[in-house]
Amino acid sequence: MTARVCVLYFAQSVELTGVREEELSDVPTPISSQDLWSLLLRQHPRLSVLQHQVVLAVRQQYVAIGDQLVNLGDGDEIAVVPPLSGG
């Protein structure tokens, strides 16, 4: 099965991708959070500078990048949340 999802980019990930959001179709589901990150890296190789700092949020729930399985449905939002600077 596959899903069509909306990927939202925040902070530094916007600068690296050049987009704030995009739609991806044919995303396999279920998918591990690591495979989901790898898919985003194939779309935007420059995201690799965030490799060990970024967090994904699926339907507004944070997901650590690893072997956790994520079930996606059409229209789901995936957010790429890099570390936030400031204080």
PDB file of N, CA and C in Angstrom:
ATOM      1  N   MET A   1       0.828  -1.192   0.000  1.00  0.00           N
ATOM      2  CA  MET A   1       0.000   0.000   0.000  1.00  0.00           C
ATOM      3  C   MET A   1       0.871   1.253   0.000  1.00  0.00           C
ATOM      4  N   THR A   2       0.344   2.304  -0.558  1.00  0.00           N
ATOM      5  CA  THR A   2       1.046   3.581  -0.558  1.00  0.00           C
ATOM      6  C   THR A   2       0.097   4.688  -0.118  1.00  0.00           C
ATOM      7  N   ALA A   3       0.685   5.819   0.242  1.00  0.00           N
ATOM      8  CA  ALA A   3      -0.109   6.969   0.685  1.00  0.00           C
ATOM      9  C   ALA A   3       0.436   8.232   0.031  1.00  0.00           C
ATOM     10  N   ARG A   4      -0.436   9.214  -0.091  1.00  0.00           N
ATOM     11  CA  ARG A   4      -0.042  10.552  -0.550  1.00  0.00           C
ATOM     12  C   ARG A   4       0.005  11.426   0.691  1.00  0.00           C
ATOM     13  N   VAL A   5       1.185  12.013   0.973  1.00  0.00           N
ATOM     14  CA  VAL A   5       1.373  12.783   2.200  1.00  0.00           C
ATOM     15  C   VAL A   5       1.864  14.186   1.878  1.00  0.00           C
ATOM     16  N   CYS A   6       1.677  15.080   2.838  1.00  0.00           N
ATOM     17  CA  CYS A   6       2.167  16.450   2.741  1.00  0.00           C
ATOM     18  C   CYS A   6       3.347  16.582   3.701  1.00  0.00           C
ATOM     19  N   VAL A   7       4.495  16.977   3.177  1.00  0.00           N
ATOM     20  CA  VAL A   7       5.686  17.146   4.005  1.00  0.00           C
ATOM     21  C   VAL A   7       5.888  18.635   4.258  1.00  0.00           C
ATOM     22  N   LEU A   8       5.980  19.002   5.538  1.00  0.00           N
ATOM     23  CA  LEU A   8       6.190  20.389   5.940  1.00  0.00           C
ATOM     24  C   LEU A   8       7.624  20.532   6.433  1.00  0.00           C
ATOM     25  N   TYR A   9       8.298  21.564   5.964  1.00  0.00           N
ATOM     26  CA  TYR A   9       9.682  21.813   6.370  1.00  0.00           C
ATOM     27  C   TYR A   9       9.734  23.057   7.248  1.00  0.00           C
ATOM     28  N   PHE A  10      10.548  23.001   8.294  1.00  0.00           N
ATOM     29  CA  PHE A  10      10.665  24.108   9.239  1.00  0.00           C
ATOM     30  C   PHE A  10      12.122  24.517   9.399  1.00  0.00           C
ATOM     31  N   ALA A  11      12.312  25.787   9.761  1.00  0.00           N
ATOM     32  CA  ALA A  11      13.632  26.337  10.122  1.00  0.00           C
ATOM     33  C   ALA A  11      14.676  26.013   9.056  1.00  0.00           C
ATOM     34  N   GLN A  12      15.783  25.423   9.463  1.00  0.00           N
ATOM     35  CA  GLN A  12      16.900  25.197   8.544  1.00  0.00           C
ATOM     36  C   GLN A  12      16.523  24.258   7.398  1.00  0.00           C
ATOM     37  N   SER A  13      15.558  23.376   7.612  1.00  0.00           N
ATOM     38  CA  SER A  13      15.184  22.455   6.535  1.00  0.00           C
ATOM     39  C   SER A  13      14.546  23.197   5.358  1.00  0.00           C
ATOM     40  N   VAL A  14      13.932  24.350   5.613  1.00  0.00           N
ATOM     41  CA  VAL A  14      13.386  25.172   4.516  1.00  0.00           C
ATOM     42  C   VAL A  14      14.536  25.694   3.655  1.00  0.00           C
ATOM     43  N   GLU A  15      15.595  26.182   4.317  1.00  0.00           N
ATOM     44  CA  GLU A  15      16.752  26.701   3.573  1.00  0.00           C
ATOM     45  C   GLU A  15      17.410  25.599   2.754  1.00  0.00           C
ATOM     46  N   LEU A  16      17.467  24.396   3.306  1.00  0.00           N
ATOM     47  CA  LEU A  16      18.151  23.295   2.623  1.00  0.00           C
ATOM     48  C   LEU A  16      17.348  22.741   1.455  1.00  0.00           C
ATOM     49  N   THR A  17      16.030  22.753   1.555  1.00  0.00           N
ATOM     50  CA  THR A  17      15.198  22.188   0.492  1.00  0.00           C
ATOM     51  C   THR A  17      14.715  23.237  -0.498  1.00  0.00           C
ATOM     52  N   GLY A  18      14.601  24.482  -0.025  1.00  0.00           N
ATOM     53  CA  GLY A  18      14.072  25.531  -0.889  1.00  0.00           C
ATOM     54  C   GLY A  18      12.552  25.552  -0.942  1.00  0.00           C
ATOM     55  N   VAL A  19      11.901  24.695  -0.153  1.00  0.00           N
ATOM     56  CA  VAL A  19      10.432  24.662  -0.129  1.00  0.00           C
ATOM     57  C   VAL A  19       9.952  24.600   1.314  1.00  0.00           C
ATOM     58  N   ARG A  20       8.744  25.102   1.532  1.00  0.00           N
ATOM     59  CA  ARG A  20       8.149  25.018   2.868  1.00  0.00           C
ATOM     60  C   ARG A  20       7.294  23.765   3.006  1.00  0.00           C
ATOM     61  N   GLU A  21       6.719  23.353   1.885  1.00  0.00           N
ATOM     62  CA  GLU A  21       5.927  22.125   1.911  1.00  0.00           C
ATOM     63  C   GLU A  21       5.870  21.541   0.518  1.00  0.00           C
ATOM     64  N   GLU A  22       5.610  20.242   0.481  1.00  0.00           N
ATOM     65  CA  GLU A  22       5.461  19.556  -0.797  1.00  0.00           C
ATOM     66  C   GLU A  22       4.622  18.306  -0.575  1.00  0.00           C
ATOM     67  N   GLU A  23       4.033  17.843  -1.648  1.00  0.00           N
ATOM     68  CA  GLU A  23       3.250  16.621  -1.581  1.00  0.00           C
ATOM     69  C   GLU A  23       4.070  15.486  -2.172  1.00  0.00           C
ATOM     70  N   LEU A  24       4.097  14.364  -1.474  1.00  0.00           N
ATOM     71  CA  LEU A  24       4.744  13.166  -1.987  1.00  0.00           C
ATOM     72  C   LEU A  24       3.678  12.103  -2.173  1.00  0.00           C
ATOM     73  N   SER A  25       3.677  11.474  -3.326  1.00  0.00           N
ATOM     74  CA  SER A  25       2.724  10.391  -3.552  1.00  0.00           C
ATOM     75  C   SER A  25       3.488   9.069  -3.583  1.00  0.00           C
ATOM     76  N   ASP A  26       2.777   8.009  -3.466  1.00  0.00           N
ATOM     77  CA  ASP A  26       3.354   6.662  -3.514  1.00  0.00           C
ATOM     78  C   ASP A  26       4.376   6.403  -2.418  1.00  0.00           C
ATOM     79  N   VAL A  27       4.129   6.943  -1.225  1.00  0.00           N
ATOM     80  CA  VAL A  27       4.985   6.646  -0.072  1.00  0.00           C
ATOM     81  C   VAL A  27       4.514   5.306   0.501  1.00  0.00           C
ATOM     82  N   PRO A  28       5.419   4.322   0.596  1.00  0.00           N
ATOM     83  CA  PRO A  28       5.001   3.015   1.124  1.00  0.00           C
ATOM     84  C   PRO A  28       4.501   3.136   2.560  1.00  0.00           C
ATOM     85  N   THR A  29       3.497   2.332   2.890  1.00  0.00           N
ATOM     86  CA  THR A  29       2.997   2.301   4.260  1.00  0.00           C
ATOM     87  C   THR A  29       2.556   0.892   4.610  1.00  0.00           C
ATOM     88  N   PRO A  30       2.899   0.413   5.817  1.00  0.00           N
ATOM     89  CA  PRO A  30       3.695   1.112   6.827  1.00  0.00           C
ATOM     90  C   PRO A  30       5.146   1.256   6.368  1.00  0.00           C
ATOM     91  N   ILE A  31       5.839   2.216   6.979  1.00  0.00           N
ATOM     92  CA  ILE A  31       7.228   2.494   6.642  1.00  0.00           C
ATOM     93  C   ILE A  31       7.956   2.796   7.951  1.00  0.00           C
ATOM     94  N   SER A  32       9.214   2.367   8.037  1.00  0.00           N
ATOM     95  CA  SER A  32       9.966   2.713   9.243  1.00  0.00           C
ATOM     96  C   SER A  32      10.320   4.192   9.185  1.00  0.00           C
ATOM     97  N   SER A  33      10.488   4.791  10.344  1.00  0.00           N
ATOM     98  CA  SER A  33      10.843   6.213  10.356  1.00  0.00           C
ATOM     99  C   SER A  33      12.205   6.428   9.693  1.00  0.00           C
ATOM    100  N   GLN A  34      13.117   5.440   9.779  1.00  0.00           N
ATOM    101  CA  GLN A  34      14.414   5.552   9.090  1.00  0.00           C
ATOM    102  C   GLN A  34      14.230   5.541   7.578  1.00  0.00           C
ATOM    103  N   ASP A  35      13.373   4.659   7.078  1.00  0.00           N
ATOM    104  CA  ASP A  35      13.116   4.608   5.634  1.00  0.00           C
ATOM    105  C   ASP A  35      12.417   5.879   5.155  1.00  0.00           C
ATOM    106  N   LEU A  36      11.554   6.433   5.997  1.00  0.00           N
ATOM    107  CA  LEU A  36      10.890   7.688   5.650  1.00  0.00           C
ATOM    108  C   LEU A  36      11.923   8.807   5.538  1.00  0.00           C
ATOM    109  N   TRP A  37      12.854   8.885   6.487  1.00  0.00           N
ATOM    110  CA  TRP A  37      13.923   9.880   6.434  1.00  0.00           C
ATOM    111  C   TRP A  37      14.769   9.660   5.188  1.00  0.00           C
ATOM    112  N   SER A  38      15.088   8.406   4.869  1.00  0.00           N
ATOM    113  CA  SER A  38      15.888   8.106   3.674  1.00  0.00           C
ATOM    114  C   SER A  38      15.168   8.565   2.407  1.00  0.00           C
ATOM    115  N   LEU A  39      13.857   8.388   2.371  1.00  0.00           N
ATOM    116  CA  LEU A  39      13.072   8.844   1.229  1.00  0.00           C
ATOM    117  C   LEU A  39      13.181  10.369   1.081  1.00  0.00           C
ATOM    118  N   LEU A  40      13.104  11.086   2.209  1.00  0.00           N
ATOM    119  CA  LEU A  40      13.227  12.547   2.165  1.00  0.00           C
ATOM    120  C   LEU A  40      14.635  12.961   1.731  1.00  0.00           C
ATOM    121  N   LEU A  41      15.641  12.191   2.157  1.00  0.00           N
ATOM    122  CA  LEU A  41      17.020  12.493   1.740  1.00  0.00           C
ATOM    123  C   LEU A  41      17.199  12.289   0.242  1.00  0.00           C
ATOM    124  N   ARG A  42      16.523  11.308  -0.329  1.00  0.00           N
ATOM    125  CA  ARG A  42      16.613  11.111  -1.784  1.00  0.00           C
ATOM    126  C   ARG A  42      16.000  12.297  -2.515  1.00  0.00           C
ATOM    127  N   GLN A  43      14.926  12.857  -1.962  1.00  0.00           N
ATOM    128  CA  GLN A  43      14.284  14.036  -2.553  1.00  0.00           C
ATOM    129  C   GLN A  43      15.178  15.272  -2.408  1.00  0.00           C
ATOM    130  N   HIS A  44      15.820  15.390  -1.242  1.00  0.00           N
ATOM    131  CA  HIS A  44      16.597  16.584  -0.902  1.00  0.00           C
ATOM    132  C   HIS A  44      17.903  16.173  -0.209  1.00  0.00           C
ATOM    133  N   PRO A  45      18.916  15.792  -0.982  1.00  0.00           N
ATOM    134  CA  PRO A  45      20.176  15.313  -0.391  1.00  0.00           C
ATOM    135  C   PRO A  45      20.805  16.298   0.593  1.00  0.00           C
ATOM    136  N   ARG A  46      20.555  17.588   0.437  1.00  0.00           N
ATOM    137  CA  ARG A  46      21.160  18.582   1.337  1.00  0.00           C
ATOM    138  C   ARG A  46      20.656  18.444   2.771  1.00  0.00           C
ATOM    139  N   LEU A  47      19.535  17.762   2.976  1.00  0.00           N
ATOM    140  CA  LEU A  47      19.037  17.537   4.336  1.00  0.00           C
ATOM    141  C   LEU A  47      19.992  16.682   5.162  1.00  0.00           C
ATOM    142  N   SER A  48      20.935  16.024   4.514  1.00  0.00           N
ATOM    143  CA  SER A  48      21.835  15.117   5.235  1.00  0.00           C
ATOM    144  C   SER A  48      22.636  15.837   6.318  1.00  0.00           C
ATOM    145  N   VAL A  49      22.807  17.157   6.211  1.00  0.00           N
ATOM    146  CA  VAL A  49      23.534  17.886   7.266  1.00  0.00           C
ATOM    147  C   VAL A  49      22.764  17.861   8.589  1.00  0.00           C
ATOM    148  N   LEU A  50      21.477  17.552   8.538  1.00  0.00           N
ATOM    149  CA  LEU A  50      20.652  17.483   9.754  1.00  0.00           C
ATOM    150  C   LEU A  50      20.543  16.057  10.296  1.00  0.00           C
ATOM    151  N   GLN A  51      21.257  15.126   9.681  1.00  0.00           N
ATOM    152  CA  GLN A  51      21.094  13.691   9.905  1.00  0.00           C
ATOM    153  C   GLN A  51      20.835  13.283  11.356  1.00  0.00           C
ATOM    154  N   HIS A  52      21.664  13.703  12.288  1.00  0.00           N
ATOM    155  CA  HIS A  52      21.526  13.211  13.662  1.00  0.00           C
ATOM    156  C   HIS A  52      20.880  14.230  14.591  1.00  0.00           C
ATOM    157  N   GLN A  53      20.252  15.259  14.018  1.00  0.00           N
ATOM    158  CA  GLN A  53      19.669  16.316  14.833  1.00  0.00           C
ATOM    159  C   GLN A  53      18.174  16.483  14.588  1.00  0.00           C
ATOM    160  N   VAL A  54      17.708  15.998  13.457  1.00  0.00           N
ATOM    161  CA  VAL A  54      16.336  16.259  13.045  1.00  0.00           C
ATOM    162  C   VAL A  54      15.362  15.291  13.729  1.00  0.00           C
ATOM    163  N   VAL A  55      14.141  15.756  13.890  1.00  0.00           N
ATOM    164  CA  VAL A  55      13.043  14.925  14.394  1.00  0.00           C
ATOM    165  C   VAL A  55      11.916  15.017  13.366  1.00  0.00           C
ATOM    166  N   LEU A  56      11.237  13.913  13.165  1.00  0.00           N
ATOM    167  CA  LEU A  56      10.062  13.925  12.300  1.00  0.00           C
ATOM    168  C   LEU A  56       8.816  13.952  13.177  1.00  0.00           C
ATOM    169  N   ALA A  57       7.778  14.591  12.676  1.00  0.00           N
ATOM    170  CA  ALA A  57       6.484  14.539  13.349  1.00  0.00           C
ATOM    171  C   ALA A  57       5.472  14.036  12.325  1.00  0.00           C
ATOM    172  N   VAL A  58       4.752  13.003  12.685  1.00  0.00           N
ATOM    173  CA  VAL A  58       3.721  12.440  11.823  1.00  0.00           C
ATOM    174  C   VAL A  58       2.385  12.682  12.509  1.00  0.00           C
ATOM    175  N   ARG A  59       1.506  13.381  11.818  1.00  0.00           N
ATOM    176  CA  ARG A  59       0.212  13.775  12.411  1.00  0.00           C
ATOM    177  C   ARG A  59       0.421  14.444  13.772  1.00  0.00           C
ATOM    178  N   GLN A  60       1.411  15.331  13.832  1.00  0.00           N
ATOM    179  CA  GLN A  60       1.738  16.143  15.004  1.00  0.00           C
ATOM    180  C   GLN A  60       2.226  15.322  16.198  1.00  0.00           C
ATOM    181  N   GLN A  61       2.716  14.107  15.946  1.00  0.00           N
ATOM    182  CA  GLN A  61       3.312  13.283  16.987  1.00  0.00           C
ATOM    183  C   GLN A  61       4.781  13.067  16.622  1.00  0.00           C
ATOM    184  N   TYR A  62       5.677  13.405  17.543  1.00  0.00           N
ATOM    185  CA  TYR A  62       7.097  13.231  17.261  1.00  0.00           C
ATOM    186  C   TYR A  62       7.440  11.763  17.121  1.00  0.00           C
ATOM    187  N   VAL A  63       8.309  11.499  16.138  1.00  0.00           N
ATOM    188  CA  VAL A  63       8.756  10.140  15.856  1.00  0.00           C
ATOM    189  C   VAL A  63      10.280  10.169  15.757  1.00  0.00           C
ATOM    190  N   ALA A  64      10.947   9.385  16.585  1.00  0.00           N
ATOM    191  CA  ALA A  64      12.404   9.284  16.489  1.00  0.00           C
ATOM    192  C   ALA A  64      12.760   8.542  15.207  1.00  0.00           C
ATOM    193  N   ILE A  65      13.854   8.944  14.587  1.00  0.00           N
ATOM    194  CA  ILE A  65      14.293   8.267  13.367  1.00  0.00           C
ATOM    195  C   ILE A  65      14.974   6.965  13.775  1.00  0.00           C
ATOM    196  N   GLY A  66      14.412   5.872  13.322  1.00  0.00           N
ATOM    197  CA  GLY A  66      14.922   4.557  13.684  1.00  0.00           C
ATOM    198  C   GLY A  66      14.053   3.493  13.054  1.00  0.00           C
ATOM    199  N   ASP A  67      13.845   2.402  13.787  1.00  0.00           N
ATOM    200  CA  ASP A  67      13.099   1.287  13.196  1.00  0.00           C
ATOM    201  C   ASP A  67      11.618   1.292  13.557  1.00  0.00           C
ATOM    202  N   GLN A  68      11.156   2.383  14.180  1.00  0.00           N
ATOM    203  CA  GLN A  68       9.734   2.495  14.516  1.00  0.00           C
ATOM    204  C   GLN A  68       8.897   2.525  13.233  1.00  0.00           C
ATOM    205  N   LEU A  69       7.859   1.681  13.172  1.00  0.00           N
ATOM    206  CA  LEU A  69       6.981   1.663  12.005  1.00  0.00           C
ATOM    207  C   LEU A  69       5.937   2.757  12.117  1.00  0.00           C
ATOM    208  N   VAL A  70       5.696   3.418  10.991  1.00  0.00           N
ATOM    209  CA  VAL A  70       4.709   4.494  10.916  1.00  0.00           C
ATOM    210  C   VAL A  70       3.679   4.093   9.875  1.00  0.00           C
ATOM    211  N   ASN A  71       2.418   4.128  10.265  1.00  0.00           N
ATOM    212  CA  ASN A  71       1.333   3.889   9.312  1.00  0.00           C
ATOM    213  C   ASN A  71       0.871   5.233   8.768  1.00  0.00           C
ATOM    214  N   LEU A  72       0.919   5.368   7.470  1.00  0.00           N
ATOM    215  CA  LEU A  72       0.543   6.632   6.828  1.00  0.00           C
ATOM    216  C   LEU A  72      -0.768   6.459   6.081  1.00  0.00           C
ATOM    217  N   GLY A  73      -1.549   7.529   6.056  1.00  0.00           N
ATOM    218  CA  GLY A  73      -2.776   7.551   5.273  1.00  0.00           C
ATOM    219  C   GLY A  73      -2.747   8.748   4.334  1.00  0.00           C
ATOM    220  N   ASP A  74      -3.559   8.698   3.306  1.00  0.00           N
ATOM    221  CA  ASP A  74      -3.626   9.824   2.370  1.00  0.00           C
ATOM    222  C   ASP A  74      -3.935  11.107   3.122  1.00  0.00           C
ATOM    223  N   GLY A  75      -3.170  12.147   2.830  1.00  0.00           N
ATOM    224  CA  GLY A  75      -3.394  13.451   3.441  1.00  0.00           C
ATOM    225  C   GLY A  75      -2.662  13.665   4.748  1.00  0.00           C
ATOM    226  N   ASP A  76      -1.960  12.647   5.257  1.00  0.00           N
ATOM    227  CA  ASP A  76      -1.219  12.828   6.505  1.00  0.00           C
ATOM    228  C   ASP A  76      -0.126  13.870   6.337  1.00  0.00           C
ATOM    229  N   GLU A  77       0.142  14.585   7.413  1.00  0.00           N
ATOM    230  CA  GLU A  77       1.224  15.571   7.426  1.00  0.00           C
ATOM    231  C   GLU A  77       2.448  14.989   8.108  1.00  0.00           C
ATOM    232  N   ILE A  78       3.581  15.212   7.470  1.00  0.00           N
ATOM    233  CA  ILE A  78       4.869  14.836   8.046  1.00  0.00           C
ATOM    234  C   ILE A  78       5.665  16.125   8.163  1.00  0.00           C
ATOM    235  N   ALA A  79       6.126  16.427   9.356  1.00  0.00           N
ATOM    236  CA  ALA A  79       6.921  17.641   9.560  1.00  0.00           C
ATOM    237  C   ALA A  79       8.376  17.250   9.782  1.00  0.00           C
ATOM    238  N   VAL A  80       9.266  18.019   9.151  1.00  0.00           N
ATOM    239  CA  VAL A  80      10.711  17.866   9.352  1.00  0.00           C
ATOM    240  C   VAL A  80      11.114  19.001  10.289  1.00  0.00           C
ATOM    241  N   VAL A  81      11.503  18.641  11.524  1.00  0.00           N
ATOM    242  CA  VAL A  81      11.763  19.622  12.559  1.00  0.00           C
ATOM    243  C   VAL A  81      13.236  19.562  12.958  1.00  0.00           C
ATOM    244  N   PRO A  82      14.047  20.488  12.426  1.00  0.00           N
ATOM    245  CA  PRO A  82      15.450  20.535  12.826  1.00  0.00           C
ATOM    246  C   PRO A  82      15.583  21.128  14.221  1.00  0.00           C
ATOM    247  N   PRO A  83      16.768  21.030  14.809  1.00  0.00           N
ATOM    248  CA  PRO A  83      16.945  21.648  16.131  1.00  0.00           C
ATOM    249  C   PRO A  83      16.664  23.144  16.032  1.00  0.00           C
ATOM    250  N   LEU A  84      15.976  23.669  17.017  1.00  0.00           N
ATOM    251  CA  LEU A  84      15.648  25.085  17.016  1.00  0.00           C
ATOM    252  C   LEU A  84      16.688  25.822  17.828  1.00  0.00           C
ATOM    253  N   SER A  85      17.204  26.893  17.256  1.00  0.00           N
ATOM    254  CA  SER A  85      18.182  27.681  17.991  1.00  0.00           C
ATOM    255  C   SER A  85      17.472  28.842  18.654  1.00  0.00           C
ATOM    256  N   GLY A  86      18.187  29.495  19.527  1.00  0.00           N
ATOM    257  CA  GLY A  86      17.593  30.632  20.209  1.00  0.00           C
ATOM    258  C   GLY A  86      17.646  30.413  21.707  1.00  0.00           C
ATOM    259  N   GLY A  87      17.021  31.315  22.431  1.00  0.00           N
ATOM    260  CA  GLY A  87      17.074  31.149  23.876  1.00  0.00           C
ATOM    261  C   GLY A  87      16.238  32.205  24.551  1.00  0.00           C
TER     262      GLY A  87
END
